[in-house]
Amino acid sequence: MSRVKRGVMHNKRRKGILKLVKGFKYGRKNLIRQAKTAILKADEHSFRDRRAKKRNFRELWQIRISAALLPFEMSYSKFMGALKAKNILLDRKVLATLGEKNPEVFKALVEKVK
């Protein structure tokens, strides 16, 4: 029976791991044991932060809408409640963009729900 040398697979696996940690700092980018742990941690963080990103943006949009409502002396919660009552189905992202980029359209919207 012929001898099987496994160097090809070993190198391929190592290269794959090191490709994933390209751009990391210190030993995490070129030492296999550290690279493996770095990949595990990075995957955990990315999974968690894909959900956190949604929370962060919602919070940001709420702050922007609230800031756009300051000249009209209306609170965020009252405004959102009035929108729901008038059955205006605009999401927070659109409202925040309107308040920031098109204040005249946002003003018309506020006047409509008052």
PDB file of N, CA and C in Angstrom:
ATOM      1  N   MET A   1       0.837  -1.179   0.000  1.00  0.00           N
ATOM      2  CA  MET A   1       0.000   0.000   0.000  1.00  0.00           C
ATOM      3  C   MET A   1       0.888   1.249   0.000  1.00  0.00           C
ATOM      4  N   SER A   2       0.454   2.265  -0.730  1.00  0.00           N
ATOM      5  CA  SER A   2       1.292   3.456  -0.836  1.00  0.00           C
ATOM      6  C   SER A   2       1.059   4.403   0.343  1.00  0.00           C
ATOM      7  N   ARG A   3       2.060   5.193   0.594  1.00  0.00           N
ATOM      8  CA  ARG A   3       2.019   6.121   1.712  1.00  0.00           C
ATOM      9  C   ARG A   3       1.227   7.372   1.311  1.00  0.00           C
ATOM     10  N   VAL A   4       0.382   7.892   2.231  1.00  0.00           N
ATOM     11  CA  VAL A   4      -0.394   9.105   1.964  1.00  0.00           C
ATOM     12  C   VAL A   4       0.193  10.239   2.787  1.00  0.00           C
ATOM     13  N   LYS A   5       0.646  11.256   2.094  1.00  0.00           N
ATOM     14  CA  LYS A   5       1.170  12.434   2.795  1.00  0.00           C
ATOM     15  C   LYS A   5       0.044  13.465   2.864  1.00  0.00           C
ATOM     16  N   ARG A   6      -0.168  14.010   4.022  1.00  0.00           N
ATOM     17  CA  ARG A   6      -1.323  14.888   4.211  1.00  0.00           C
ATOM     18  C   ARG A   6      -0.957  16.372   4.272  1.00  0.00           C
ATOM     19  N   GLY A   7       0.212  16.730   3.785  1.00  0.00           N
ATOM     20  CA  GLY A   7       0.652  18.117   3.859  1.00  0.00           C
ATOM     21  C   GLY A   7      -0.227  19.071   3.089  1.00  0.00           C
ATOM     22  N   VAL A   8      -0.821  18.617   1.989  1.00  0.00           N
ATOM     23  CA  VAL A   8      -1.645  19.495   1.146  1.00  0.00           C
ATOM     24  C   VAL A   8      -2.861  19.983   1.922  1.00  0.00           C
ATOM     25  N   MET A   9      -3.581  19.056   2.544  1.00  0.00           N
ATOM     26  CA  MET A   9      -4.788  19.434   3.288  1.00  0.00           C
ATOM     27  C   MET A   9      -4.437  20.297   4.501  1.00  0.00           C
ATOM     28  N   HIS A  10      -3.347  19.946   5.158  1.00  0.00           N
ATOM     29  CA  HIS A  10      -2.901  20.713   6.322  1.00  0.00           C
ATOM     30  C   HIS A  10      -2.647  22.168   5.928  1.00  0.00           C
ATOM     31  N   ASN A  11      -1.924  22.360   4.846  1.00  0.00           N
ATOM     32  CA  ASN A  11      -1.619  23.719   4.399  1.00  0.00           C
ATOM     33  C   ASN A  11      -2.863  24.451   3.920  1.00  0.00           C
ATOM     34  N   LYS A  12      -3.753  23.718   3.250  1.00  0.00           N
ATOM     35  CA  LYS A  12      -4.982  24.328   2.741  1.00  0.00           C
ATOM     36  C   LYS A  12      -5.847  24.841   3.906  1.00  0.00           C
ATOM     37  N   ARG A  13      -5.974  24.014   4.948  1.00  0.00           N
ATOM     38  CA  ARG A  13      -6.768  24.388   6.116  1.00  0.00           C
ATOM     39  C   ARG A  13      -6.166  25.617   6.792  1.00  0.00           C
ATOM     40  N   ARG A  14      -4.850  25.600   6.959  1.00  0.00           N
ATOM     41  CA  ARG A  14      -4.161  26.739   7.586  1.00  0.00           C
ATOM     42  C   ARG A  14      -4.346  28.012   6.774  1.00  0.00           C
ATOM     43  N   LYS A  15      -4.215  27.873   5.441  1.00  0.00           N
ATOM     44  CA  LYS A  15      -4.361  29.046   4.569  1.00  0.00           C
ATOM     45  C   LYS A  15      -5.766  29.629   4.661  1.00  0.00           C
ATOM     46  N   GLY A  16      -6.761  28.723   4.748  1.00  0.00           N
ATOM     47  CA  GLY A  16      -8.151  29.169   4.862  1.00  0.00           C
ATOM     48  C   GLY A  16      -8.380  29.953   6.141  1.00  0.00           C
ATOM     49  N   ILE A  17      -7.806  29.467   7.229  1.00  0.00           N
ATOM     50  CA  ILE A  17      -7.942  30.148   8.521  1.00  0.00           C
ATOM     51  C   ILE A  17      -7.261  31.507   8.461  1.00  0.00           C
ATOM     52  N   LEU A  18      -6.052  31.529   7.915  1.00  0.00           N
ATOM     53  CA  LEU A  18      -5.301  32.787   7.865  1.00  0.00           C
ATOM     54  C   LEU A  18      -5.934  33.797   6.910  1.00  0.00           C
ATOM     55  N   LYS A  19      -6.646  33.297   5.902  1.00  0.00           N
ATOM     56  CA  LYS A  19      -7.333  34.213   4.987  1.00  0.00           C
ATOM     57  C   LYS A  19      -8.467  34.941   5.715  1.00  0.00           C
ATOM     58  N   LEU A  20      -9.129  34.230   6.644  1.00  0.00           N
ATOM     59  CA  LEU A  20     -10.236  34.821   7.397  1.00  0.00           C
ATOM     60  C   LEU A  20      -9.774  35.908   8.368  1.00  0.00           C
ATOM     61  N   VAL A  21      -8.522  35.814   8.845  1.00  0.00           N
ATOM     62  CA  VAL A  21      -8.044  36.779   9.839  1.00  0.00           C
ATOM     63  C   VAL A  21      -7.140  37.846   9.226  1.00  0.00           C
ATOM     64  N   LYS A  22      -7.197  37.971   7.919  1.00  0.00           N
ATOM     65  CA  LYS A  22      -6.387  38.993   7.259  1.00  0.00           C
ATOM     66  C   LYS A  22      -6.814  40.368   7.769  1.00  0.00           C
ATOM     67  N   GLY A  23      -5.850  41.174   8.148  1.00  0.00           N
ATOM     68  CA  GLY A  23      -6.158  42.503   8.644  1.00  0.00           C
ATOM     69  C   GLY A  23      -6.243  42.581  10.159  1.00  0.00           C
ATOM     70  N   PHE A  24      -6.223  41.441  10.846  1.00  0.00           N
ATOM     71  CA  PHE A  24      -6.230  41.460  12.303  1.00  0.00           C
ATOM     72  C   PHE A  24      -4.855  41.902  12.793  1.00  0.00           C
ATOM     73  N   LYS A  25      -4.766  42.272  14.068  1.00  0.00           N
ATOM     74  CA  LYS A  25      -3.503  42.763  14.623  1.00  0.00           C
ATOM     75  C   LYS A  25      -2.706  41.652  15.295  1.00  0.00           C
ATOM     76  N   TYR A  26      -1.420  41.892  15.415  1.00  0.00           N
ATOM     77  CA  TYR A  26      -0.491  41.081  16.197  1.00  0.00           C
ATOM     78  C   TYR A  26      -0.501  39.612  15.761  1.00  0.00           C
ATOM     79  N   GLY A  27      -0.424  38.684  16.738  1.00  0.00           N
ATOM     80  CA  GLY A  27      -0.302  37.277  16.404  1.00  0.00           C
ATOM     81  C   GLY A  27      -1.586  36.681  15.859  1.00  0.00           C
ATOM     82  N   ARG A  28      -2.680  37.392  16.029  1.00  0.00           N
ATOM     83  CA  ARG A  28      -3.963  36.855  15.586  1.00  0.00           C
ATOM     84  C   ARG A  28      -4.009  36.710  14.065  1.00  0.00           C
ATOM     85  N   LYS A  29      -3.133  37.410  13.363  1.00  0.00           N
ATOM     86  CA  LYS A  29      -3.164  37.350  11.904  1.00  0.00           C
ATOM     87  C   LYS A  29      -2.257  36.274  11.324  1.00  0.00           C
ATOM     88  N   ASN A  30      -1.299  35.754  12.118  1.00  0.00           N
ATOM     89  CA  ASN A  30      -0.387  34.791  11.509  1.00  0.00           C
ATOM     90  C   ASN A  30      -0.046  33.580  12.380  1.00  0.00           C
ATOM     91  N   LEU A  31      -0.627  33.493  13.571  1.00  0.00           N
ATOM     92  CA  LEU A  31      -0.425  32.308  14.407  1.00  0.00           C
ATOM     93  C   LEU A  31      -1.737  31.530  14.450  1.00  0.00           C
ATOM     94  N   ILE A  32      -1.680  30.274  14.072  1.00  0.00           N
ATOM     95  CA  ILE A  32      -2.893  29.491  13.863  1.00  0.00           C
ATOM     96  C   ILE A  32      -3.775  29.405  15.104  1.00  0.00           C
ATOM     97  N   ARG A  33      -3.185  29.116  16.266  1.00  0.00           N
ATOM     98  CA  ARG A  33      -4.001  28.945  17.469  1.00  0.00           C
ATOM     99  C   ARG A  33      -4.723  30.247  17.817  1.00  0.00           C
ATOM    100  N   GLN A  34      -4.005  31.349  17.736  1.00  0.00           N
ATOM    101  CA  GLN A  34      -4.629  32.649  18.029  1.00  0.00           C
ATOM    102  C   GLN A  34      -5.639  33.021  16.947  1.00  0.00           C
ATOM    103  N   ALA A  35      -5.335  32.665  15.719  1.00  0.00           N
ATOM    104  CA  ALA A  35      -6.241  32.978  14.610  1.00  0.00           C
ATOM    105  C   ALA A  35      -7.569  32.248  14.775  1.00  0.00           C
ATOM    106  N   LYS A  36      -7.513  30.981  15.223  1.00  0.00           N
ATOM    107  CA  LYS A  36      -8.746  30.209  15.422  1.00  0.00           C
ATOM    108  C   LYS A  36      -9.644  30.865  16.457  1.00  0.00           C
ATOM    109  N   THR A  37      -9.062  31.275  17.587  1.00  0.00           N
ATOM    110  CA  THR A  37      -9.869  31.937  18.620  1.00  0.00           C
ATOM    111  C   THR A  37     -10.378  33.273  18.122  1.00  0.00           C
ATOM    112  N   ALA A  38      -9.566  33.974  17.353  1.00  0.00           N
ATOM    113  CA  ALA A  38      -9.991  35.271  16.819  1.00  0.00           C
ATOM    114  C   ALA A  38     -11.196  35.108  15.897  1.00  0.00           C
ATOM    115  N   ILE A  39     -11.193  34.054  15.095  1.00  0.00           N
ATOM    116  CA  ILE A  39     -12.320  33.790  14.189  1.00  0.00           C
ATOM    117  C   ILE A  39     -13.579  33.498  14.989  1.00  0.00           C
ATOM    118  N   LEU A  40     -13.451  32.650  16.025  1.00  0.00           N
ATOM    119  CA  LEU A  40     -14.613  32.318  16.855  1.00  0.00           C
ATOM    120  C   LEU A  40     -15.214  33.569  17.481  1.00  0.00           C
ATOM    121  N   LYS A  41     -14.357  34.411  18.050  1.00  0.00           N
ATOM    122  CA  LYS A  41     -14.831  35.634  18.699  1.00  0.00           C
ATOM    123  C   LYS A  41     -15.463  36.573  17.677  1.00  0.00           C
ATOM    124  N   ALA A  42     -14.810  36.727  16.527  1.00  0.00           N
ATOM    125  CA  ALA A  42     -15.313  37.636  15.495  1.00  0.00           C
ATOM    126  C   ALA A  42     -16.692  37.195  15.013  1.00  0.00           C
ATOM    127  N   ASP A  43     -16.880  35.884  14.875  1.00  0.00           N
ATOM    128  CA  ASP A  43     -18.175  35.364  14.449  1.00  0.00           C
ATOM    129  C   ASP A  43     -19.253  35.633  15.502  1.00  0.00           C
ATOM    130  N   GLU A  44     -18.895  35.462  16.782  1.00  0.00           N
ATOM    131  CA  GLU A  44     -19.849  35.743  17.860  1.00  0.00           C
ATOM    132  C   GLU A  44     -20.262  37.212  17.825  1.00  0.00           C
ATOM    133  N   HIS A  45     -19.266  38.085  17.699  1.00  0.00           N
ATOM    134  CA  HIS A  45     -19.553  39.518  17.702  1.00  0.00           C
ATOM    135  C   HIS A  45     -20.391  39.917  16.491  1.00  0.00           C
ATOM    136  N   SER A  46     -20.084  39.373  15.336  1.00  0.00           N
ATOM    137  CA  SER A  46     -20.820  39.761  14.139  1.00  0.00           C
ATOM    138  C   SER A  46     -22.271  39.293  14.225  1.00  0.00           C
ATOM    139  N   PHE A  47     -22.494  38.110  14.780  1.00  0.00           N
ATOM    140  CA  PHE A  47     -23.859  37.596  14.948  1.00  0.00           C
ATOM    141  C   PHE A  47     -24.649  38.512  15.878  1.00  0.00           C
ATOM    142  N   ARG A  48     -24.036  38.846  17.016  1.00  0.00           N
ATOM    143  CA  ARG A  48     -24.699  39.698  17.999  1.00  0.00           C
ATOM    144  C   ARG A  48     -24.952  41.099  17.437  1.00  0.00           C
ATOM    145  N   ASP A  49     -23.955  41.639  16.742  1.00  0.00           N
ATOM    146  CA  ASP A  49     -24.039  43.031  16.318  1.00  0.00           C
ATOM    147  C   ASP A  49     -24.926  43.248  15.105  1.00  0.00           C
ATOM    148  N   ARG A  50     -25.233  42.180  14.362  1.00  0.00           N
ATOM    149  CA  ARG A  50     -26.219  42.342  13.287  1.00  0.00           C
ATOM    150  C   ARG A  50     -27.572  42.685  13.890  1.00  0.00           C
ATOM    151  N   ARG A  51     -27.842  42.174  15.082  1.00  0.00           N
ATOM    152  CA  ARG A  51     -29.090  42.507  15.760  1.00  0.00           C
ATOM    153  C   ARG A  51     -28.991  43.860  16.464  1.00  0.00           C
ATOM    154  N   ALA A  52     -27.843  44.125  17.043  1.00  0.00           N
ATOM    155  CA  ALA A  52     -27.649  45.397  17.757  1.00  0.00           C
ATOM    156  C   ALA A  52     -27.732  46.578  16.794  1.00  0.00           C
ATOM    157  N   LYS A  53     -27.295  46.372  15.555  1.00  0.00           N
ATOM    158  CA  LYS A  53     -27.320  47.445  14.557  1.00  0.00           C
ATOM    159  C   LYS A  53     -28.749  47.939  14.337  1.00  0.00           C
ATOM    160  N   LYS A  54     -29.685  47.017  14.309  1.00  0.00           N
ATOM    161  CA  LYS A  54     -31.089  47.381  14.112  1.00  0.00           C
ATOM    162  C   LYS A  54     -31.578  48.254  15.269  1.00  0.00           C
ATOM    163  N   ARG A  55     -31.191  47.887  16.505  1.00  0.00           N
ATOM    164  CA  ARG A  55     -31.566  48.690  17.674  1.00  0.00           C
ATOM    165  C   ARG A  55     -30.948  50.075  17.613  1.00  0.00           C
ATOM    166  N   ASN A  56     -29.659  50.108  17.242  1.00  0.00           N
ATOM    167  CA  ASN A  56     -28.944  51.387  17.216  1.00  0.00           C
ATOM    168  C   ASN A  56     -29.550  52.346  16.209  1.00  0.00           C
ATOM    169  N   PHE A  57     -29.909  51.832  15.028  1.00  0.00           N
ATOM    170  CA  PHE A  57     -30.475  52.712  14.015  1.00  0.00           C
ATOM    171  C   PHE A  57     -31.854  53.200  14.419  1.00  0.00           C
ATOM    172  N   ARG A  58     -32.656  52.337  15.017  1.00  0.00           N
ATOM    173  CA  ARG A  58     -33.985  52.761  15.472  1.00  0.00           C
ATOM    174  C   ARG A  58     -33.846  53.896  16.490  1.00  0.00           C
ATOM    175  N   GLU A  59     -32.895  53.739  17.407  1.00  0.00           N
ATOM    176  CA  GLU A  59     -32.632  54.764  18.416  1.00  0.00           C
ATOM    177  C   GLU A  59     -32.196  56.083  17.760  1.00  0.00           C
ATOM    178  N   LEU A  60     -31.321  55.981  16.772  1.00  0.00           N
ATOM    179  CA  LEU A  60     -30.842  57.165  16.057  1.00  0.00           C
ATOM    180  C   LEU A  60     -31.984  57.884  15.348  1.00  0.00           C
ATOM    181  N   TRP A  61     -32.854  57.108  14.671  1.00  0.00           N
ATOM    182  CA  TRP A  61     -33.978  57.717  13.975  1.00  0.00           C
ATOM    183  C   TRP A  61     -34.927  58.401  14.948  1.00  0.00           C
ATOM    184  N   GLN A  62     -35.137  57.804  16.116  1.00  0.00           N
ATOM    185  CA  GLN A  62     -36.010  58.419  17.109  1.00  0.00           C
ATOM    186  C   GLN A  62     -35.439  59.755  17.566  1.00  0.00           C
ATOM    187  N   ILE A  63     -34.135  59.808  17.772  1.00  0.00           N
ATOM    188  CA  ILE A  63     -33.481  61.046  18.200  1.00  0.00           C
ATOM    189  C   ILE A  63     -33.608  62.111  17.117  1.00  0.00           C
ATOM    190  N   ARG A  64     -33.418  61.716  15.859  1.00  0.00           N
ATOM    191  CA  ARG A  64     -33.515  62.677  14.749  1.00  0.00           C
ATOM    192  C   ARG A  64     -34.929  63.212  14.583  1.00  0.00           C
ATOM    193  N   ILE A  65     -35.914  62.347  14.710  1.00  0.00           N
ATOM    194  CA  ILE A  65     -37.315  62.784  14.607  1.00  0.00           C
ATOM    195  C   ILE A  65     -37.626  63.736  15.747  1.00  0.00           C
ATOM    196  N   SER A  66     -37.184  63.390  16.942  1.00  0.00           N
ATOM    197  CA  SER A  66     -37.401  64.227  18.115  1.00  0.00           C
ATOM    198  C   SER A  66     -36.772  65.607  17.923  1.00  0.00           C
ATOM    199  N   ALA A  67     -35.572  65.634  17.366  1.00  0.00           N
ATOM    200  CA  ALA A  67     -34.896  66.909  17.117  1.00  0.00           C
ATOM    201  C   ALA A  67     -35.638  67.727  16.068  1.00  0.00           C
ATOM    202  N   ALA A  68     -36.182  67.050  15.051  1.00  0.00           N
ATOM    203  CA  ALA A  68     -36.928  67.761  14.006  1.00  0.00           C
ATOM    204  C   ALA A  68     -38.245  68.304  14.532  1.00  0.00           C
ATOM    205  N   LEU A  69     -38.755  67.709  15.610  1.00  0.00           N
ATOM    206  CA  LEU A  69     -40.034  68.148  16.187  1.00  0.00           C
ATOM    207  C   LEU A  69     -39.881  69.301  17.171  1.00  0.00           C
ATOM    208  N   LEU A  70     -38.667  69.617  17.586  1.00  0.00           N
ATOM    209  CA  LEU A  70     -38.453  70.677  18.576  1.00  0.00           C
ATOM    210  C   LEU A  70     -39.079  72.015  18.182  1.00  0.00           C
ATOM    211  N   PRO A  71     -38.929  72.492  16.943  1.00  0.00           N
ATOM    212  CA  PRO A  71     -39.544  73.781  16.600  1.00  0.00           C
ATOM    213  C   PRO A  71     -41.067  73.779  16.661  1.00  0.00           C
ATOM    214  N   PHE A  72     -41.679  72.616  16.585  1.00  0.00           N
ATOM    215  CA  PHE A  72     -43.136  72.521  16.589  1.00  0.00           C
ATOM    216  C   PHE A  72     -43.691  72.262  17.985  1.00  0.00           C
ATOM    217  N   GLU A  73     -42.823  72.240  18.991  1.00  0.00           N
ATOM    218  CA  GLU A  73     -43.206  71.987  20.385  1.00  0.00           C
ATOM    219  C   GLU A  73     -44.116  70.766  20.507  1.00  0.00           C
ATOM    220  N   MET A  74     -43.647  69.688  19.916  1.00  0.00           N
ATOM    221  CA  MET A  74     -44.397  68.430  19.962  1.00  0.00           C
ATOM    222  C   MET A  74     -43.434  67.323  20.355  1.00  0.00           C
ATOM    223  N   SER A  75     -43.884  66.432  21.215  1.00  0.00           N
ATOM    224  CA  SER A  75     -42.995  65.346  21.638  1.00  0.00           C
ATOM    225  C   SER A  75     -43.034  64.210  20.609  1.00  0.00           C
ATOM    226  N   TYR A  76     -41.997  63.406  20.667  1.00  0.00           N
ATOM    227  CA  TYR A  76     -41.881  62.267  19.752  1.00  0.00           C
ATOM    228  C   TYR A  76     -43.060  61.320  19.920  1.00  0.00           C
ATOM    229  N   SER A  77     -43.394  60.999  21.162  1.00  0.00           N
ATOM    230  CA  SER A  77     -44.449  60.009  21.410  1.00  0.00           C
ATOM    231  C   SER A  77     -45.817  60.514  20.937  1.00  0.00           C
ATOM    232  N   LYS A  78     -46.089  61.798  21.169  1.00  0.00           N
ATOM    233  CA  LYS A  78     -47.375  62.366  20.720  1.00  0.00           C
ATOM    234  C   LYS A  78     -47.450  62.371  19.191  1.00  0.00           C
ATOM    235  N   PHE A  79     -46.326  62.696  18.573  1.00  0.00           N
ATOM    236  CA  PHE A  79     -46.272  62.728  17.106  1.00  0.00           C
ATOM    237  C   PHE A  79     -46.521  61.340  16.529  1.00  0.00           C
ATOM    238  N   MET A  80     -45.843  60.338  17.074  1.00  0.00           N
ATOM    239  CA  MET A  80     -46.008  58.975  16.569  1.00  0.00           C
ATOM    240  C   MET A  80     -47.436  58.467  16.817  1.00  0.00           C
ATOM    241  N   GLY A  81     -47.995  58.826  17.968  1.00  0.00           N
ATOM    242  CA  GLY A  81     -49.381  58.453  18.264  1.00  0.00           C
ATOM    243  C   GLY A  81     -50.351  59.096  17.294  1.00  0.00           C
ATOM    244  N   ALA A  82     -50.107  60.372  16.973  1.00  0.00           N
ATOM    245  CA  ALA A  82     -50.977  61.091  16.028  1.00  0.00           C
ATOM    246  C   ALA A  82     -50.850  60.494  14.625  1.00  0.00           C
ATOM    247  N   LEU A  83     -49.647  60.105  14.248  1.00  0.00           N
ATOM    248  CA  LEU A  83     -49.460  59.462  12.938  1.00  0.00           C
ATOM    249  C   LEU A  83     -50.266  58.171  12.851  1.00  0.00           C
ATOM    250  N   LYS A  84     -50.212  57.389  13.922  1.00  0.00           N
ATOM    251  CA  LYS A  84     -50.956  56.125  13.936  1.00  0.00           C
ATOM    252  C   LYS A  84     -52.466  56.381  13.868  1.00  0.00           C
ATOM    253  N   ALA A  85     -52.915  57.408  14.601  1.00  0.00           N
ATOM    254  CA  ALA A  85     -54.342  57.731  14.625  1.00  0.00           C
ATOM    255  C   ALA A  85     -54.827  58.180  13.247  1.00  0.00           C
ATOM    256  N   LYS A  86     -54.004  58.937  12.533  1.00  0.00           N
ATOM    257  CA  LYS A  86     -54.364  59.416  11.188  1.00  0.00           C
ATOM    258  C   LYS A  86     -54.081  58.360  10.123  1.00  0.00           C
ATOM    259  N   ASN A  87     -53.555  57.210  10.548  1.00  0.00           N
ATOM    260  CA  ASN A  87     -53.256  56.091   9.660  1.00  0.00           C
ATOM    261  C   ASN A  87     -52.230  56.454   8.577  1.00  0.00           C
ATOM    262  N   ILE A  88     -51.219  57.215   8.992  1.00  0.00           N
ATOM    263  CA  ILE A  88     -50.108  57.547   8.105  1.00  0.00           C
ATOM    264  C   ILE A  88     -49.002  56.538   8.369  1.00  0.00           C
ATOM    265  N   LEU A  89     -48.707  55.723   7.365  1.00  0.00           N
ATOM    266  CA  LEU A  89     -47.785  54.600   7.551  1.00  0.00           C
ATOM    267  C   LEU A  89     -46.388  54.928   7.008  1.00  0.00           C
ATOM    268  N   LEU A  90     -45.691  55.807   7.695  1.00  0.00           N
ATOM    269  CA  LEU A  90     -44.300  56.109   7.360  1.00  0.00           C
ATOM    270  C   LEU A  90     -43.419  55.563   8.467  1.00  0.00           C
ATOM    271  N   ASP A  91     -42.344  54.890   8.097  1.00  0.00           N
ATOM    272  CA  ASP A  91     -41.474  54.345   9.129  1.00  0.00           C
ATOM    273  C   ASP A  91     -40.502  55.404   9.644  1.00  0.00           C
ATOM    274  N   ARG A  92     -39.820  55.061  10.725  1.00  0.00           N
ATOM    275  CA  ARG A  92     -38.941  56.024  11.405  1.00  0.00           C
ATOM    276  C   ARG A  92     -37.787  56.477  10.513  1.00  0.00           C
ATOM    277  N   LYS A  93     -37.293  55.578   9.688  1.00  0.00           N
ATOM    278  CA  LYS A  93     -36.177  55.920   8.802  1.00  0.00           C
ATOM    279  C   LYS A  93     -36.590  57.035   7.838  1.00  0.00           C
ATOM    280  N   VAL A  94     -37.763  56.907   7.248  1.00  0.00           N
ATOM    281  CA  VAL A  94     -38.266  57.913   6.306  1.00  0.00           C
ATOM    282  C   VAL A  94     -38.535  59.224   7.029  1.00  0.00           C
ATOM    283  N   LEU A  95     -39.149  59.138   8.205  1.00  0.00           N
ATOM    284  CA  LEU A  95     -39.456  60.357   8.968  1.00  0.00           C
ATOM    285  C   LEU A  95     -38.182  61.094   9.363  1.00  0.00           C
ATOM    286  N   ALA A  96     -37.157  60.356   9.777  1.00  0.00           N
ATOM    287  CA  ALA A  96     -35.891  60.973  10.168  1.00  0.00           C
ATOM    288  C   ALA A  96     -35.236  61.649   8.972  1.00  0.00           C
ATOM    289  N   THR A  97     -35.299  61.008   7.812  1.00  0.00           N
ATOM    290  CA  THR A  97     -34.727  61.589   6.599  1.00  0.00           C
ATOM    291  C   THR A  97     -35.480  62.842   6.187  1.00  0.00           C
ATOM    292  N   LEU A  98     -36.804  62.793   6.283  1.00  0.00           N
ATOM    293  CA  LEU A  98     -37.615  63.981   5.964  1.00  0.00           C
ATOM    294  C   LEU A  98     -37.269  65.142   6.887  1.00  0.00           C
ATOM    295  N   GLY A  99     -37.173  64.851   8.176  1.00  0.00           N
ATOM    296  CA  GLY A  99     -36.854  65.895   9.147  1.00  0.00           C
ATOM    297  C   GLY A  99     -35.492  66.514   8.911  1.00  0.00           C
ATOM    298  N   GLU A 100     -34.560  65.720   8.420  1.00  0.00           N
ATOM    299  CA  GLU A 100     -33.201  66.203   8.227  1.00  0.00           C
ATOM    300  C   GLU A 100     -33.013  66.893   6.874  1.00  0.00           C
ATOM    301  N   LYS A 101     -33.516  66.253   5.806  1.00  0.00           N
ATOM    302  CA  LYS A 101     -33.225  66.729   4.450  1.00  0.00           C
ATOM    303  C   LYS A 101     -34.328  67.609   3.857  1.00  0.00           C
ATOM    304  N   ASN A 102     -35.589  67.341   4.204  1.00  0.00           N
ATOM    305  CA  ASN A 102     -36.728  68.101   3.661  1.00  0.00           C
ATOM    306  C   ASN A 102     -37.597  68.655   4.784  1.00  0.00           C
ATOM    307  N   PRO A 103     -37.133  69.700   5.460  1.00  0.00           N
ATOM    308  CA  PRO A 103     -37.910  70.202   6.601  1.00  0.00           C
ATOM    309  C   PRO A 103     -39.287  70.748   6.225  1.00  0.00           C
ATOM    310  N   GLU A 104     -39.435  71.254   4.994  1.00  0.00           N
ATOM    311  CA  GLU A 104     -40.746  71.797   4.597  1.00  0.00           C
ATOM    312  C   GLU A 104     -41.780  70.683   4.456  1.00  0.00           C
ATOM    313  N   VAL A 105     -41.376  69.540   3.945  1.00  0.00           N
ATOM    314  CA  VAL A 105     -42.277  68.390   3.838  1.00  0.00           C
ATOM    315  C   VAL A 105     -42.603  67.876   5.234  1.00  0.00           C
ATOM    316  N   PHE A 106     -41.595  67.845   6.096  1.00  0.00           N
ATOM    317  CA  PHE A 106     -41.802  67.384   7.473  1.00  0.00           C
ATOM    318  C   PHE A 106     -42.766  68.323   8.203  1.00  0.00           C
ATOM    319  N   LYS A 107     -42.619  69.634   7.959  1.00  0.00           N
ATOM    320  CA  LYS A 107     -43.509  70.617   8.583  1.00  0.00           C
ATOM    321  C   LYS A 107     -44.946  70.386   8.143  1.00  0.00           C
ATOM    322  N   ALA A 108     -45.155  70.131   6.848  1.00  0.00           N
ATOM    323  CA  ALA A 108     -46.499  69.856   6.327  1.00  0.00           C
ATOM    324  C   ALA A 108     -47.084  68.609   6.997  1.00  0.00           C
ATOM    325  N   LEU A 109     -46.240  67.618   7.204  1.00  0.00           N
ATOM    326  CA  LEU A 109     -46.677  66.381   7.853  1.00  0.00           C
ATOM    327  C   LEU A 109     -47.095  66.632   9.296  1.00  0.00           C
ATOM    328  N   VAL A 110     -46.302  67.459   9.995  1.00  0.00           N
ATOM    329  CA  VAL A 110     -46.633  67.781  11.386  1.00  0.00           C
ATOM    330  C   VAL A 110     -47.949  68.556  11.460  1.00  0.00           C
ATOM    331  N   GLU A 111     -48.111  69.502  10.544  1.00  0.00           N
ATOM    332  CA  GLU A 111     -49.366  70.292  10.521  1.00  0.00           C
ATOM    333  C   GLU A 111     -50.564  69.389  10.243  1.00  0.00           C
ATOM    334  N   LYS A 112     -50.375  68.389   9.421  1.00  0.00           N
ATOM    335  CA  LYS A 112     -51.471  67.473   9.075  1.00  0.00           C
ATOM    336  C   LYS A 112     -51.920  66.648  10.278  1.00  0.00           C
ATOM    337  N   VAL A 113     -50.978  66.261  11.125  1.00  0.00           N
ATOM    338  CA  VAL A 113     -51.354  65.408  12.264  1.00  0.00           C
ATOM    339  C   VAL A 113     -51.754  66.214  13.506  1.00  0.00           C
ATOM    340  N   LYS A 114     -51.482  67.505  13.527  1.00  0.00           N
ATOM    341  CA  LYS A 114     -51.829  68.317  14.709  1.00  0.00           C
ATOM    342  C   LYS A 114     -53.330  68.451  14.862  1.00  0.00           C
TER     343      LYS A 114
END
